[in-house]
Amino acid sequence: MTPHTLAFVESPVQLLNVLEWAHGPGSTPGPDAEPGPDSDPGPGTGPRPDGPGARLTLVVLSPTDPMTRGQLRRMAELAREDGHEVRWEEARGGATAPLRTIGALAGPLRRARRVVMGDPFSRYVQLLLTITGAQDLVVVDDGTATMEFVAQLARGERLVRWHRKGGRPGPRDAVFAPVSAVARRRLTPRTGRAGQAERRVEVFSSMPLAEVPEGVSVTANDFAWTRARFGPPRVISGADLVGTSLVETGVVDRDRYLDAVRALAVTHGARRYFAHRRESTDKLHRLAVQTGLEVVRPDLPLELIARRGPIGRTILSFPSTVVHTLPLALAGTAVRVAVCDIDPAWLTAHASPRAQGFLSGVTGTARDVQRLARTAQPG
């Protein structure tokens, strides 16, 4: 059977958000419906109705990082349980892997009427976009990067990840620039002479989107699938702290970060630290020794971990995706999410000039969270 919809994911969060998108509009009450503390939203109307024989094929462009691969395999199990086909591609398994992967996917890409993607900044995804002639393109959240993607598309800018913006393009950027330009045009809605849409673009997001390109439709992700599938969680006393990969991406100084985590743990009585899948083993070891926190490496995205429970009554986070997603996933529970801003003094000398403004925007636009004063670091 020819796949009606083809989805490409490279991370567990992307796969989760494809499942949320596929769950479709339903009768599940949103977070503004003020459900009770013990409410358990039921499932909505099920997968999106795309006509007879419609199906979703999920293509996992597998990374090499073991923790990410493990979470992706767990998410793939959930997708199969929901009736979706999952195709696992070792897209980075050696020098010839990209050519093999693209060659194997060329046929399905040309036949698909709709393509769903989780990371429009990905060079892999941009290359695949040059092959497809799909009329419908859907971008699901890949975290806070979605905010930057939509803004860049609205301004007609080249697609550059926020933490790299302001830096000088490297030789690989120059070589790939024509492919990126084609991908950006593919992600721009197009209307024919008769006024009919020749290419439709949808953004499925839980992020606040200040600038939306003309013709792009935005669908709110309220994590209805997550709330229907898991929980409500058992809420325990104390606080849990959510890790970030800002050190690994070169934005925040490691020592400053460790000091800030230690101060937050002391101030709020945090017990556990949920590591981001990209955090280095060395940093996490130092963090455990210096703070006494129990470091937890989740086997699923944090939205599902928190929804399954047990989870602390307070979840502490730095500016990141979870300050937008956790209040939605935990709607109707007694859990509160608190966010600590990044002090400009914590930024590295190599951080993008855009970094402070972007991170402040992530925090400032978050709803239903408590904002914490920048924590005084212990001496």
Protein backbone atom coordinates (compact mmCIF):
# COMPACT_ATOMS: atom_id res chain seq x y z
CA MET A 1 0.00 0.00 0.00
CA THR A 2 1.34 3.44 -0.91
CA PRO A 3 1.93 5.54 2.20
CA HIS A 4 -0.41 8.50 2.36
CA THR A 5 1.67 10.31 4.96
CA LEU A 6 5.42 9.96 5.47
CA ALA A 7 6.97 11.32 8.68
CA PHE A 8 10.68 11.82 9.33
CA VAL A 9 12.01 11.99 12.89
CA GLU A 10 15.50 12.16 14.37
CA SER A 11 14.73 12.53 18.07
CA PRO A 12 12.31 11.07 20.65
CA VAL A 13 10.56 14.44 21.11
CA GLN A 14 9.94 14.70 17.37
CA LEU A 15 8.44 11.21 17.36
CA LEU A 16 6.24 12.07 20.34
CA ASN A 17 4.94 15.15 18.55
CA VAL A 18 4.21 13.19 15.38
CA LEU A 19 2.06 10.88 17.52
CA GLU A 20 0.34 13.93 19.01
CA TRP A 21 -0.30 15.27 15.50
CA ALA A 22 -1.59 11.91 14.26
CA HIS A 23 -3.93 11.71 17.26
CA GLY A 24 -5.82 14.49 15.56
CA PRO A 25 -8.48 16.87 16.82
CA GLY A 26 -10.66 15.19 19.41
CA SER A 27 -13.08 15.77 22.21
CA THR A 28 -10.40 15.84 24.89
CA PRO A 29 -10.71 19.02 26.99
CA GLY A 30 -7.69 21.31 26.74
CA PRO A 31 -5.72 22.70 29.67
CA ASP A 32 -7.99 25.79 29.83
CA ALA A 33 -11.00 23.62 30.67
CA GLU A 34 -9.90 23.54 34.32
CA PRO A 35 -10.09 19.79 34.91
CA GLY A 36 -9.98 18.53 38.46
CA PRO A 37 -6.75 17.35 40.08
CA ASP A 38 -7.63 13.70 39.53
CA SER A 39 -9.11 14.04 36.07
CA ASP A 40 -7.97 11.62 33.39
CA PRO A 41 -8.81 12.94 29.90
CA GLY A 42 -10.14 10.27 27.63
CA PRO A 43 -8.98 9.76 24.05
CA GLY A 44 -10.22 12.06 21.32
CA THR A 45 -11.62 11.00 18.00
CA GLY A 46 -8.47 9.09 17.05
CA PRO A 47 -6.11 9.43 14.10
CA ARG A 48 -6.66 12.13 11.51
CA PRO A 49 -9.22 11.05 8.93
CA ASP A 50 -7.33 11.01 5.64
CA GLY A 51 -9.69 8.82 3.68
CA PRO A 52 -9.90 5.10 2.94
CA GLY A 53 -6.64 3.21 3.24
CA ALA A 54 -4.79 6.14 4.79
CA ARG A 55 -1.82 5.33 6.97
CA LEU A 56 1.20 6.93 8.56
CA THR A 57 4.69 5.63 7.94
CA LEU A 58 7.20 6.86 10.50
CA VAL A 59 10.78 6.92 9.25
CA VAL A 60 13.37 7.11 12.03
CA LEU A 61 16.61 8.66 10.74
CA SER A 62 18.58 7.14 13.57
CA PRO A 63 21.40 9.10 15.22
CA THR A 64 24.46 7.42 16.73
CA ASP A 65 24.04 8.62 20.34
CA PRO A 66 23.11 5.56 22.47
CA MET A 67 20.72 7.39 24.80
CA THR A 68 18.81 8.98 21.91
CA ARG A 69 18.62 5.64 20.10
CA GLY A 70 17.25 3.98 23.22
CA GLN A 71 14.52 6.58 23.66
CA LEU A 72 13.67 6.38 19.96
CA ARG A 73 13.25 2.61 20.17
CA ARG A 74 10.89 2.98 23.14
CA MET A 75 8.89 5.62 21.28
CA ALA A 76 8.82 3.42 18.18
CA GLU A 77 7.18 0.69 20.27
CA LEU A 78 4.44 3.12 21.31
CA ALA A 79 3.93 4.15 17.69
CA ARG A 80 3.52 0.55 16.58
CA GLU A 81 1.05 -0.04 19.41
CA ASP A 82 -0.97 2.84 17.96
CA GLY A 83 -1.06 1.08 14.61
CA HIS A 84 1.58 3.10 12.76
CA GLU A 85 4.26 1.58 10.56
CA VAL A 86 7.79 2.36 11.74
CA ARG A 87 10.75 2.20 9.40
CA TRP A 88 14.15 2.36 11.12
CA GLU A 89 16.97 3.74 8.96
CA GLU A 90 20.60 3.58 10.06
CA ALA A 91 21.03 6.95 8.41
CA ARG A 92 24.40 7.68 9.99
CA GLY A 93 25.89 4.19 10.03
CA GLY A 94 29.03 4.86 8.01
CA ALA A 95 30.22 7.01 5.12
CA THR A 96 27.84 5.48 2.57
CA ALA A 97 24.79 5.44 4.86
CA PRO A 98 23.34 8.78 3.67
CA LEU A 99 23.42 7.72 0.03
CA ARG A 100 21.81 4.36 0.85
CA THR A 101 19.15 5.99 2.99
CA ILE A 102 18.24 8.67 0.46
CA GLY A 103 18.16 6.12 -2.34
CA ALA A 104 15.86 3.84 -0.35
CA LEU A 105 13.50 6.70 0.53
CA ALA A 106 13.34 8.38 -2.88
CA GLY A 107 10.41 6.24 -4.09
CA PRO A 108 8.21 6.64 -0.98
CA LEU A 109 9.00 10.37 -0.93
CA ARG A 110 7.80 10.84 -4.50
CA ARG A 111 4.60 8.90 -3.80
CA ALA A 112 3.66 10.53 -0.49
CA ARG A 113 0.98 13.22 -0.59
CA ARG A 114 1.90 14.55 2.86
CA VAL A 115 5.32 14.77 4.50
CA VAL A 116 5.68 15.41 8.24
CA MET A 117 9.03 16.45 9.69
CA GLY A 118 10.36 17.27 13.13
CA ASP A 119 13.46 19.32 12.32
CA PRO A 120 13.46 21.61 9.27
CA PHE A 121 17.00 22.72 10.23
CA SER A 122 18.30 19.18 9.72
CA ARG A 123 20.45 18.84 6.62
CA TYR A 124 19.11 15.34 6.19
CA VAL A 125 15.52 16.58 6.16
CA GLN A 126 16.38 19.49 3.89
CA LEU A 127 17.95 17.10 1.40
CA LEU A 128 14.86 14.87 1.49
CA LEU A 129 12.64 17.90 0.88
CA THR A 130 14.35 18.46 -2.47
CA ILE A 131 13.04 15.06 -3.60
CA THR A 132 9.40 15.20 -2.57
CA GLY A 133 6.58 16.81 -4.48
CA ALA A 134 4.13 16.42 -1.59
CA GLN A 135 1.31 18.97 -1.56
CA ASP A 136 1.04 19.00 2.23
CA LEU A 137 4.01 19.65 4.49
CA VAL A 138 3.73 19.53 8.27
CA VAL A 139 6.38 20.69 10.76
CA VAL A 140 5.93 19.32 14.28
CA ASP A 141 7.79 20.65 17.30
CA ASP A 142 11.46 19.92 17.79
CA GLY A 143 11.45 21.99 20.94
CA THR A 144 12.11 25.72 21.11
CA ALA A 145 13.80 25.60 17.69
CA THR A 146 10.30 25.72 16.17
CA MET A 147 9.95 29.32 17.37
CA GLU A 148 13.11 30.30 15.49
CA PHE A 149 12.18 28.31 12.37
CA VAL A 150 8.81 30.03 11.99
CA ALA A 151 10.33 33.48 12.59
CA GLN A 152 13.10 32.88 10.03
CA LEU A 153 10.59 31.60 7.47
CA ALA A 154 8.40 34.68 8.02
CA ARG A 155 11.39 37.00 7.48
CA GLY A 156 12.69 35.10 4.46
CA GLU A 157 15.99 34.33 6.18
CA ARG A 158 18.21 31.32 5.68
CA LEU A 159 17.50 28.50 8.10
CA VAL A 160 20.08 28.59 10.91
CA ARG A 161 19.76 27.12 14.40
CA TRP A 162 19.42 29.84 17.01
CA HIS A 163 22.60 28.96 18.93
CA ARG A 164 24.63 29.23 15.71
CA LYS A 165 23.05 32.46 14.48
CA GLY A 166 25.51 35.35 14.30
CA GLY A 167 28.48 33.08 13.63
CA ARG A 168 30.32 32.92 10.32
CA PRO A 169 29.11 30.17 7.95
CA GLY A 170 31.66 27.41 7.52
CA PRO A 171 32.72 25.67 4.29
CA ARG A 172 30.06 22.96 4.72
CA ASP A 173 27.40 25.66 5.11
CA ALA A 174 28.45 27.20 1.81
CA VAL A 175 28.35 23.85 0.01
CA PHE A 176 24.93 23.03 1.43
CA ALA A 177 23.45 26.52 0.89
CA PRO A 178 21.67 25.66 -2.41
CA VAL A 179 19.95 22.64 -0.81
CA SER A 180 18.90 24.74 2.19
CA ALA A 181 17.47 27.39 -0.13
CA VAL A 182 15.39 24.80 -1.99
CA ALA A 183 14.13 23.38 1.31
CA ARG A 184 13.10 26.85 2.48
CA ARG A 185 11.13 27.37 -0.75
CA ARG A 186 9.48 23.97 -0.28
CA LEU A 187 8.41 25.04 3.19
CA THR A 188 6.74 28.17 1.84
CA PRO A 189 3.03 27.83 0.94
CA ARG A 190 2.21 28.28 -2.72
CA THR A 191 -1.04 29.30 -4.38
CA GLY A 192 -1.83 28.63 -8.04
CA ARG A 193 -3.21 31.10 -10.56
CA ALA A 194 -6.77 30.00 -9.86
CA GLY A 195 -6.30 30.81 -6.19
CA GLN A 196 -6.12 27.18 -5.15
CA ALA A 197 -3.43 26.01 -2.77
CA GLU A 198 -0.74 24.07 -4.61
CA ARG A 199 1.32 23.49 -1.47
CA ARG A 200 -0.01 23.70 2.08
CA VAL A 201 2.23 24.12 5.12
CA GLU A 202 1.11 23.39 8.67
CA VAL A 203 3.02 23.96 11.90
CA PHE A 204 1.88 21.76 14.78
CA SER A 205 3.27 23.33 17.91
CA SER A 206 2.92 23.94 21.64
CA MET A 207 5.33 26.89 21.33
CA PRO A 208 4.28 30.56 21.20
CA LEU A 209 4.78 31.72 17.62
CA ALA A 210 5.02 35.51 17.33
CA GLU A 211 5.68 35.68 13.58
CA VAL A 212 3.76 33.34 11.31
CA PRO A 213 4.37 33.42 7.54
CA GLU A 214 1.40 34.23 5.36
CA GLY A 215 -0.42 31.09 4.30
CA VAL A 216 1.07 28.86 7.01
CA SER A 217 -1.57 27.26 9.24
CA VAL A 218 -0.80 26.72 12.91
CA THR A 219 -2.38 23.92 14.95
CA ALA A 220 -1.98 23.94 18.71
CA ASN A 221 -0.47 20.87 20.33
CA ASP A 222 -2.08 20.42 23.76
CA PHE A 223 -0.62 16.95 24.40
CA ALA A 224 -4.00 15.26 24.23
CA TRP A 225 -2.43 11.94 23.20
CA THR A 226 -0.02 12.01 26.15
CA ARG A 227 -2.78 12.81 28.65
CA ALA A 228 -5.04 10.14 27.20
CA ARG A 229 -2.31 7.49 27.20
CA PHE A 230 -0.60 8.06 30.57
CA GLY A 231 -1.45 9.14 34.09
CA PRO A 232 -2.52 11.05 35.97
CA PRO A 233 0.77 10.69 37.88
CA ARG A 234 1.37 10.19 41.57
CA VAL A 235 2.69 13.52 42.88
CA ILE A 236 5.33 13.32 45.60
CA SER A 237 6.74 15.98 47.91
CA GLY A 238 9.84 17.93 47.02
CA ALA A 239 11.23 19.08 43.69
CA ASP A 240 12.73 17.55 40.56
CA LEU A 241 15.20 19.41 38.35
CA VAL A 242 15.30 19.19 34.55
CA GLY A 243 18.67 19.25 32.81
CA THR A 244 19.63 21.13 29.68
CA SER A 245 22.24 20.71 26.94
CA LEU A 246 23.17 24.42 26.87
CA VAL A 247 26.68 23.50 28.04
CA GLU A 248 27.09 20.90 25.30
CA THR A 249 25.96 23.38 22.60
CA GLY A 250 28.56 25.90 23.79
CA VAL A 251 26.08 28.48 25.09
CA VAL A 252 26.61 28.24 28.88
CA ASP A 253 29.85 27.80 30.80
CA ARG A 254 30.02 24.40 32.49
CA ASP A 255 31.25 25.56 35.91
CA ARG A 256 28.63 28.31 36.05
CA TYR A 257 25.95 25.80 35.14
CA LEU A 258 27.01 23.33 37.82
CA ASP A 259 27.03 26.12 40.42
CA ALA A 260 23.54 27.19 39.37
CA VAL A 261 22.21 23.63 39.61
CA ARG A 262 23.74 23.26 43.07
CA ALA A 263 22.13 26.52 44.22
CA LEU A 264 18.72 25.53 42.87
CA ALA A 265 18.93 22.12 44.52
CA VAL A 266 19.79 23.65 47.90
CA THR A 267 17.19 26.42 47.69
CA HIS A 268 14.29 24.23 46.58
CA GLY A 269 15.16 20.88 48.12
CA ALA A 270 15.49 19.09 44.77
CA ARG A 271 16.23 15.36 44.92
CA ARG A 272 16.43 14.18 41.31
CA TYR A 273 18.03 15.60 38.16
CA PHE A 274 16.46 14.42 34.90
CA ALA A 275 19.31 14.53 32.40
CA HIS A 276 18.88 15.81 28.87
CA ARG A 277 19.77 13.09 26.39
CA ARG A 278 22.67 15.19 25.02
CA GLU A 279 24.35 15.89 28.36
CA SER A 280 27.84 14.49 28.65
CA THR A 281 28.67 11.67 31.06
CA ASP A 282 31.57 13.66 32.55
CA LYS A 283 29.38 16.66 33.32
CA LEU A 284 26.67 14.50 34.87
CA HIS A 285 29.23 12.72 37.06
CA ARG A 286 30.55 16.05 38.35
CA LEU A 287 27.00 17.26 38.91
CA ALA A 288 26.09 14.20 41.00
CA VAL A 289 29.25 14.53 43.12
CA GLN A 290 28.94 18.29 43.67
CA THR A 291 25.17 18.50 44.25
CA GLY A 292 24.20 15.12 45.73
CA LEU A 293 21.31 14.93 43.25
CA GLU A 294 20.23 11.56 41.89
CA VAL A 295 20.90 11.74 38.16
CA VAL A 296 18.17 10.04 36.14
CA ARG A 297 18.59 9.25 32.44
CA PRO A 298 14.99 8.94 31.20
CA ASP A 299 14.10 6.22 28.69
CA LEU A 300 11.29 8.37 27.24
CA PRO A 301 10.72 12.09 26.65
CA LEU A 302 10.20 13.95 29.91
CA GLU A 303 6.56 14.75 29.12
CA LEU A 304 5.79 11.02 29.26
CA ILE A 305 8.03 10.39 32.28
CA ALA A 306 6.30 13.16 34.22
CA ARG A 307 2.85 12.02 33.14
CA ARG A 308 3.53 8.44 34.25
CA GLY A 309 5.01 9.58 37.57
CA PRO A 310 5.92 9.60 40.31
CA ILE A 311 6.93 13.23 39.90
CA GLY A 312 7.87 16.00 42.33
CA ARG A 313 5.32 18.62 43.26
CA THR A 314 7.65 21.22 41.75
CA ILE A 315 9.63 20.81 38.52
CA LEU A 316 12.56 23.21 38.20
CA SER A 317 13.94 24.06 34.77
CA PHE A 318 16.17 26.47 32.94
CA PRO A 319 14.77 28.02 29.72
CA SER A 320 13.92 25.07 27.51
CA THR A 321 11.11 23.34 25.70
CA VAL A 322 9.69 21.76 28.86
CA VAL A 323 8.60 25.09 30.33
CA HIS A 324 6.04 25.13 27.51
CA THR A 325 5.22 21.44 27.23
CA LEU A 326 5.09 20.19 30.83
CA PRO A 327 2.23 22.50 31.92
CA LEU A 328 0.19 21.06 29.02
CA ALA A 329 1.12 17.43 29.68
CA LEU A 330 0.46 17.86 33.41
CA ALA A 331 -2.75 19.87 33.09
CA GLY A 332 -5.16 19.04 35.90
CA THR A 333 -2.47 17.79 38.29
CA ALA A 334 -1.00 19.43 41.38
CA VAL A 335 2.45 19.83 39.77
CA ARG A 336 3.85 23.30 39.20
CA VAL A 337 6.66 24.17 36.79
CA ALA A 338 9.20 26.83 37.80
CA VAL A 339 11.83 28.31 35.49
CA CYS A 340 15.15 29.97 36.35
CA ASP A 341 16.50 32.49 33.83
CA ILE A 342 20.01 32.24 32.45
CA ASP A 343 22.25 34.95 33.88
CA PRO A 344 24.22 36.70 31.09
CA ALA A 345 27.36 36.05 33.15
CA TRP A 346 26.90 32.31 32.58
CA LEU A 347 27.26 32.60 28.79
CA THR A 348 30.48 31.52 27.13
CA ALA A 349 32.61 33.81 24.99
CA HIS A 350 31.56 31.72 21.97
CA ALA A 351 27.81 31.98 22.58
CA SER A 352 25.80 33.47 19.74
CA PRO A 353 24.90 37.16 20.16
CA ARG A 354 21.31 35.95 19.79
CA ALA A 355 21.52 33.56 22.76
CA GLN A 356 20.47 35.79 25.67
CA GLY A 357 17.52 37.31 23.84
CA PHE A 358 16.31 33.94 22.60
CA LEU A 359 16.53 32.29 26.02
CA SER A 360 14.76 35.23 27.67
CA GLY A 361 12.02 34.91 25.06
CA VAL A 362 11.62 31.21 25.82
CA THR A 363 11.04 32.02 29.48
CA GLY A 364 8.99 35.18 28.96
CA THR A 365 6.47 33.54 26.65
CA ALA A 366 5.89 30.46 28.83
CA ARG A 367 2.41 30.23 30.33
CA ASP A 368 1.40 28.62 33.60
CA VAL A 369 4.92 28.60 35.01
CA GLN A 370 6.48 30.29 38.02
CA ARG A 371 9.42 32.54 37.24
CA LEU A 372 12.30 32.32 39.69
CA ALA A 373 14.78 35.06 40.44
CA ARG A 374 18.25 34.19 39.23
CA THR A 375 19.63 31.94 41.94
CA ALA A 376 22.48 33.28 44.00
CA GLN A 377 25.36 30.89 43.52
CA PRO A 378 26.95 29.51 46.67
CA GLY A 379 30.55 30.41 47.26
